[in-house]
């Protein structure tokens, strides 16, 4: 079963090669001619198949950021538990030691 990521990968990987034929929709050539440099870059990256890897990189960076956030939260929890243990430990030792 295909998911959205699979479909995106299929479309991102359909770059135009120097020997391939393709059909260009009406008005597309005028969009190329009138395009700003930033837009041209997007067209060329798509044709070269670079956009597929850029999308994967963006997804990976998002996962890494989420992981960093989770590690930060875990560090906060660890610090809080450490504080609570420092407070509770002397009482534990006092009650465990024989009279």
N, C-alpha and C. Protein backbone atom coordinates (compact mmCIF):
# COMPACT_ATOMS: atom_id res chain seq x y z
N UNK A 1 0.84 -1.18 0.00
CA UNK A 1 0.00 0.00 0.00
C UNK A 1 0.88 1.24 0.00
N UNK A 2 0.62 2.16 -0.90
CA UNK A 2 1.41 3.38 -0.99
C UNK A 2 0.94 4.39 0.03
N UNK A 3 1.91 5.09 0.61
CA UNK A 3 1.55 6.20 1.48
C UNK A 3 1.97 7.51 0.81
N UNK A 4 1.72 8.61 1.47
CA UNK A 4 2.01 9.92 0.88
C UNK A 4 3.49 10.06 0.58
N UNK A 5 4.34 9.56 1.46
CA UNK A 5 5.78 9.66 1.24
C UNK A 5 6.20 8.91 -0.03
N UNK A 6 5.64 7.73 -0.24
CA UNK A 6 5.96 6.96 -1.45
C UNK A 6 5.55 7.72 -2.71
N UNK A 7 4.37 8.29 -2.68
CA UNK A 7 3.88 9.04 -3.84
C UNK A 7 4.75 10.27 -4.08
N UNK A 8 5.13 10.96 -3.01
CA UNK A 8 6.00 12.13 -3.14
C UNK A 8 7.34 11.71 -3.74
N UNK A 9 7.91 10.59 -3.27
CA UNK A 9 9.17 10.10 -3.82
C UNK A 9 9.07 9.80 -5.31
N UNK A 10 7.94 9.23 -5.72
CA UNK A 10 7.75 8.93 -7.14
C UNK A 10 7.77 10.20 -7.97
N UNK A 11 7.02 11.22 -7.52
CA UNK A 11 6.96 12.45 -8.29
C UNK A 11 8.25 13.24 -8.23
N UNK A 12 8.94 13.21 -7.08
CA UNK A 12 10.19 13.95 -6.97
C UNK A 12 11.30 13.31 -7.81
N UNK A 13 11.17 12.04 -8.10
CA UNK A 13 12.18 11.35 -8.87
C UNK A 13 11.93 11.34 -10.36
N UNK A 14 11.02 12.13 -10.86
CA UNK A 14 10.70 12.11 -12.29
C UNK A 14 11.38 13.26 -13.02
N UNK A 15 12.64 13.51 -12.71
CA UNK A 15 13.37 14.58 -13.36
C UNK A 15 13.52 14.33 -14.86
N UNK A 16 13.71 15.39 -15.60
CA UNK A 16 13.88 15.29 -17.04
C UNK A 16 15.35 15.08 -17.36
N UNK A 17 15.63 14.14 -18.21
CA UNK A 17 17.00 13.89 -18.63
C UNK A 17 17.25 14.49 -19.99
N UNK A 18 18.52 14.56 -20.41
CA UNK A 18 18.84 15.17 -21.71
C UNK A 18 18.29 14.39 -22.90
N UNK A 19 18.04 13.10 -22.71
CA UNK A 19 17.54 12.29 -23.83
C UNK A 19 16.11 11.83 -23.65
N UNK A 20 15.44 12.37 -22.68
CA UNK A 20 14.07 11.93 -22.44
C UNK A 20 13.08 12.89 -23.08
N UNK A 21 11.94 12.34 -23.40
CA UNK A 21 10.87 13.14 -23.96
C UNK A 21 9.88 13.45 -22.86
N UNK A 22 9.29 14.60 -22.95
CA UNK A 22 8.25 14.91 -21.98
C UNK A 22 7.26 15.86 -22.61
N UNK A 23 6.10 15.86 -22.03
CA UNK A 23 5.05 16.76 -22.49
C UNK A 23 4.99 17.93 -21.53
N UNK A 24 5.02 19.12 -22.08
CA UNK A 24 4.97 20.32 -21.26
C UNK A 24 3.59 20.94 -21.44
N UNK A 25 2.97 21.24 -20.31
CA UNK A 25 1.62 21.81 -20.39
C UNK A 25 1.65 23.20 -21.01
N UNK A 26 0.52 23.59 -21.52
CA UNK A 26 0.39 24.89 -22.17
C UNK A 26 0.69 25.99 -21.15
N UNK A 27 1.51 26.94 -21.52
CA UNK A 27 1.85 28.05 -20.64
C UNK A 27 3.10 27.79 -19.80
N UNK A 28 3.61 26.56 -19.80
CA UNK A 28 4.78 26.24 -18.99
C UNK A 28 6.03 26.93 -19.52
N UNK A 29 6.18 27.00 -20.82
CA UNK A 29 7.37 27.65 -21.39
C UNK A 29 7.40 29.12 -21.03
N UNK A 30 6.26 29.77 -21.08
CA UNK A 30 6.24 31.18 -20.71
C UNK A 30 6.56 31.34 -19.22
N UNK A 31 6.17 30.37 -18.39
CA UNK A 31 6.53 30.43 -16.97
C UNK A 31 8.04 30.31 -16.79
N UNK A 32 8.69 29.46 -17.61
CA UNK A 32 10.15 29.35 -17.56
C UNK A 32 10.81 30.67 -17.95
N UNK A 33 10.32 31.25 -19.01
CA UNK A 33 10.92 32.48 -19.53
C UNK A 33 10.74 33.63 -18.54
N UNK A 34 9.58 33.73 -17.93
CA UNK A 34 9.27 34.85 -17.04
C UNK A 34 9.61 34.57 -15.58
N UNK A 35 10.15 33.41 -15.29
CA UNK A 35 10.40 33.02 -13.90
C UNK A 35 11.54 33.82 -13.27
N UNK A 36 11.40 34.04 -11.98
CA UNK A 36 12.46 34.68 -11.20
C UNK A 36 13.57 33.64 -11.00
N UNK A 37 14.77 34.09 -10.68
CA UNK A 37 15.88 33.15 -10.48
C UNK A 37 15.57 32.07 -9.43
N UNK A 38 14.87 32.45 -8.35
CA UNK A 38 14.54 31.47 -7.31
C UNK A 38 13.61 30.38 -7.87
N UNK A 39 12.67 30.80 -8.71
CA UNK A 39 11.74 29.84 -9.30
C UNK A 39 12.46 28.94 -10.31
N UNK A 40 13.37 29.52 -11.07
CA UNK A 40 14.14 28.72 -12.03
C UNK A 40 14.95 27.65 -11.30
N UNK A 41 15.51 28.04 -10.17
CA UNK A 41 16.29 27.08 -9.39
C UNK A 41 15.42 25.89 -8.99
N UNK A 42 14.20 26.16 -8.57
CA UNK A 42 13.27 25.08 -8.19
C UNK A 42 13.00 24.17 -9.39
N UNK A 43 12.76 24.77 -10.57
CA UNK A 43 12.52 23.97 -11.78
C UNK A 43 13.72 23.07 -12.09
N UNK A 44 14.92 23.66 -12.04
CA UNK A 44 16.11 22.88 -12.38
C UNK A 44 16.41 21.80 -11.34
N UNK A 45 16.19 22.11 -10.07
CA UNK A 45 16.41 21.11 -9.03
C UNK A 45 15.44 19.94 -9.20
N UNK A 46 14.21 20.26 -9.55
CA UNK A 46 13.22 19.21 -9.78
C UNK A 46 13.64 18.36 -10.98
N UNK A 47 14.08 19.01 -12.04
CA UNK A 47 14.48 18.28 -13.24
C UNK A 47 15.70 17.41 -12.98
N UNK A 48 16.61 17.87 -12.14
CA UNK A 48 17.82 17.11 -11.85
C UNK A 48 17.59 16.04 -10.79
N UNK A 49 16.44 16.04 -10.16
CA UNK A 49 16.15 15.05 -9.14
C UNK A 49 16.68 15.43 -7.76
N UNK A 50 17.12 16.67 -7.59
CA UNK A 50 17.68 17.13 -6.31
C UNK A 50 16.58 17.33 -5.27
N UNK A 51 15.41 17.72 -5.68
CA UNK A 51 14.34 18.03 -4.74
C UNK A 51 13.99 16.82 -3.88
N UNK A 52 14.12 15.64 -4.44
CA UNK A 52 13.84 14.41 -3.69
C UNK A 52 14.76 14.31 -2.47
N UNK A 53 16.03 14.60 -2.67
CA UNK A 53 16.99 14.51 -1.58
C UNK A 53 16.85 15.67 -0.61
N UNK A 54 16.46 16.83 -1.12
CA UNK A 54 16.21 17.97 -0.23
C UNK A 54 15.04 17.66 0.71
N UNK A 55 14.02 17.04 0.18
CA UNK A 55 12.85 16.68 0.99
C UNK A 55 13.25 15.67 2.07
N UNK A 56 14.04 14.67 1.69
CA UNK A 56 14.50 13.69 2.66
C UNK A 56 15.36 14.35 3.74
N UNK A 57 16.21 15.29 3.33
CA UNK A 57 17.06 15.99 4.29
C UNK A 57 16.20 16.79 5.28
N UNK A 58 15.17 17.46 4.75
CA UNK A 58 14.29 18.25 5.61
C UNK A 58 13.59 17.34 6.63
N UNK A 59 13.11 16.19 6.19
CA UNK A 59 12.47 15.24 7.09
C UNK A 59 13.43 14.75 8.16
N UNK A 60 14.67 14.46 7.75
CA UNK A 60 15.67 13.99 8.69
C UNK A 60 16.01 15.06 9.71
N UNK A 61 16.14 16.31 9.26
CA UNK A 61 16.42 17.40 10.18
C UNK A 61 15.28 17.59 11.18
N UNK A 62 14.04 17.43 10.73
CA UNK A 62 12.90 17.54 11.64
C UNK A 62 12.94 16.44 12.69
N UNK A 63 13.26 15.21 12.26
CA UNK A 63 13.36 14.10 13.22
C UNK A 63 14.48 14.36 14.23
N UNK A 64 15.60 14.89 13.75
CA UNK A 64 16.71 15.18 14.65
C UNK A 64 16.33 16.27 15.66
N UNK A 65 15.60 17.29 15.20
CA UNK A 65 15.15 18.34 16.12
C UNK A 65 14.20 17.79 17.17
N UNK A 66 13.29 16.91 16.77
CA UNK A 66 12.38 16.28 17.73
C UNK A 66 13.16 15.45 18.74
N UNK A 67 14.19 14.75 18.26
CA UNK A 67 15.01 13.95 19.14
C UNK A 67 15.74 14.83 20.14
N UNK A 68 16.28 15.97 19.67
CA UNK A 68 16.95 16.90 20.58
C UNK A 68 15.98 17.43 21.64
N UNK A 69 14.77 17.77 21.21
CA UNK A 69 13.77 18.24 22.17
C UNK A 69 13.45 17.16 23.20
N UNK A 70 13.31 15.93 22.74
CA UNK A 70 13.02 14.82 23.66
C UNK A 70 14.17 14.61 24.64
N UNK A 71 15.39 14.71 24.15
CA UNK A 71 16.56 14.57 25.03
C UNK A 71 16.59 15.68 26.07
N UNK A 72 16.22 16.89 25.67
CA UNK A 72 16.15 18.00 26.61
C UNK A 72 15.12 17.75 27.69
N UNK A 73 13.97 17.23 27.29
CA UNK A 73 12.92 16.91 28.27
C UNK A 73 13.38 15.80 29.22
N UNK A 74 14.05 14.79 28.65
CA UNK A 74 14.56 13.71 29.50
C UNK A 74 15.59 14.23 30.49
N UNK A 75 16.42 15.15 30.07
CA UNK A 75 17.42 15.73 30.96
C UNK A 75 16.74 16.49 32.10
N UNK A 76 15.67 17.23 31.78
CA UNK A 76 14.92 17.94 32.82
C UNK A 76 14.31 16.97 33.82
N UNK A 77 13.74 15.87 33.32
CA UNK A 77 13.13 14.87 34.21
C UNK A 77 14.21 14.24 35.09
N UNK A 78 15.35 13.92 34.48
CA UNK A 78 16.46 13.32 35.23
C UNK A 78 16.93 14.25 36.34
N UNK A 79 17.08 15.54 36.01
CA UNK A 79 17.50 16.51 37.02
C UNK A 79 16.48 16.62 38.15
N UNK A 80 15.22 16.64 37.81
CA UNK A 80 14.17 16.72 38.84
C UNK A 80 14.19 15.49 39.74
N UNK A 81 14.33 14.31 39.13
CA UNK A 81 14.38 13.08 39.93
C UNK A 81 15.63 13.04 40.81
N UNK A 82 16.72 13.56 40.28
CA UNK A 82 17.96 13.61 41.06
C UNK A 82 17.79 14.51 42.29
N UNK A 83 17.12 15.65 42.11
CA UNK A 83 16.85 16.55 43.24
C UNK A 83 15.98 15.85 44.28
N UNK A 84 14.95 15.18 43.81
CA UNK A 84 14.04 14.49 44.74
C UNK A 84 14.78 13.36 45.48
N UNK A 85 15.66 12.68 44.76
CA UNK A 85 16.44 11.59 45.39
C UNK A 85 17.40 12.16 46.43
N UNK A 86 18.02 13.30 46.14
CA UNK A 86 18.92 13.93 47.10
C UNK A 86 18.18 14.31 48.38
N UNK A 87 16.94 14.72 48.24
CA UNK A 87 16.14 15.08 49.40
C UNK A 87 15.70 13.83 50.17
N UNK A 88 15.30 12.80 49.46
CA UNK A 88 14.74 11.60 50.09
C UNK A 88 15.81 10.65 50.61
N UNK A 89 17.00 10.64 50.05
CA UNK A 89 18.03 9.66 50.40
C UNK A 89 18.42 9.70 51.88
N UNK A 90 18.67 10.89 52.46
CA UNK A 90 19.03 10.89 53.89
C UNK A 90 17.95 10.25 54.77
N UNK A 91 16.68 10.47 54.45
CA UNK A 91 15.61 9.86 55.23
C UNK A 91 15.62 8.34 55.07
N UNK A 92 15.90 7.86 53.88
CA UNK A 92 15.95 6.42 53.63
C UNK A 92 17.07 5.78 54.45
N UNK A 93 18.21 6.43 54.44
CA UNK A 93 19.35 5.90 55.19
C UNK A 93 19.04 5.88 56.68
N UNK A 94 18.40 6.94 57.16
CA UNK A 94 18.08 7.04 58.58
C UNK A 94 17.12 5.93 58.99
N UNK A 95 16.11 5.64 58.16
CA UNK A 95 15.12 4.61 58.52
C UNK A 95 15.66 3.20 58.30
N UNK A 96 16.64 3.02 57.41
CA UNK A 96 17.16 1.69 57.13
C UNK A 96 18.21 1.26 58.15
N UNK A 97 18.91 2.20 58.72
CA UNK A 97 19.99 1.83 59.63
C UNK A 97 19.39 1.24 60.92
N UNK A 98 20.06 0.21 61.46
CA UNK A 98 19.53 -0.43 62.68
C UNK A 98 19.67 0.53 63.87
N UNK A 99 18.74 0.44 64.81
CA UNK A 99 18.79 1.34 65.98
C UNK A 99 19.93 1.06 66.93
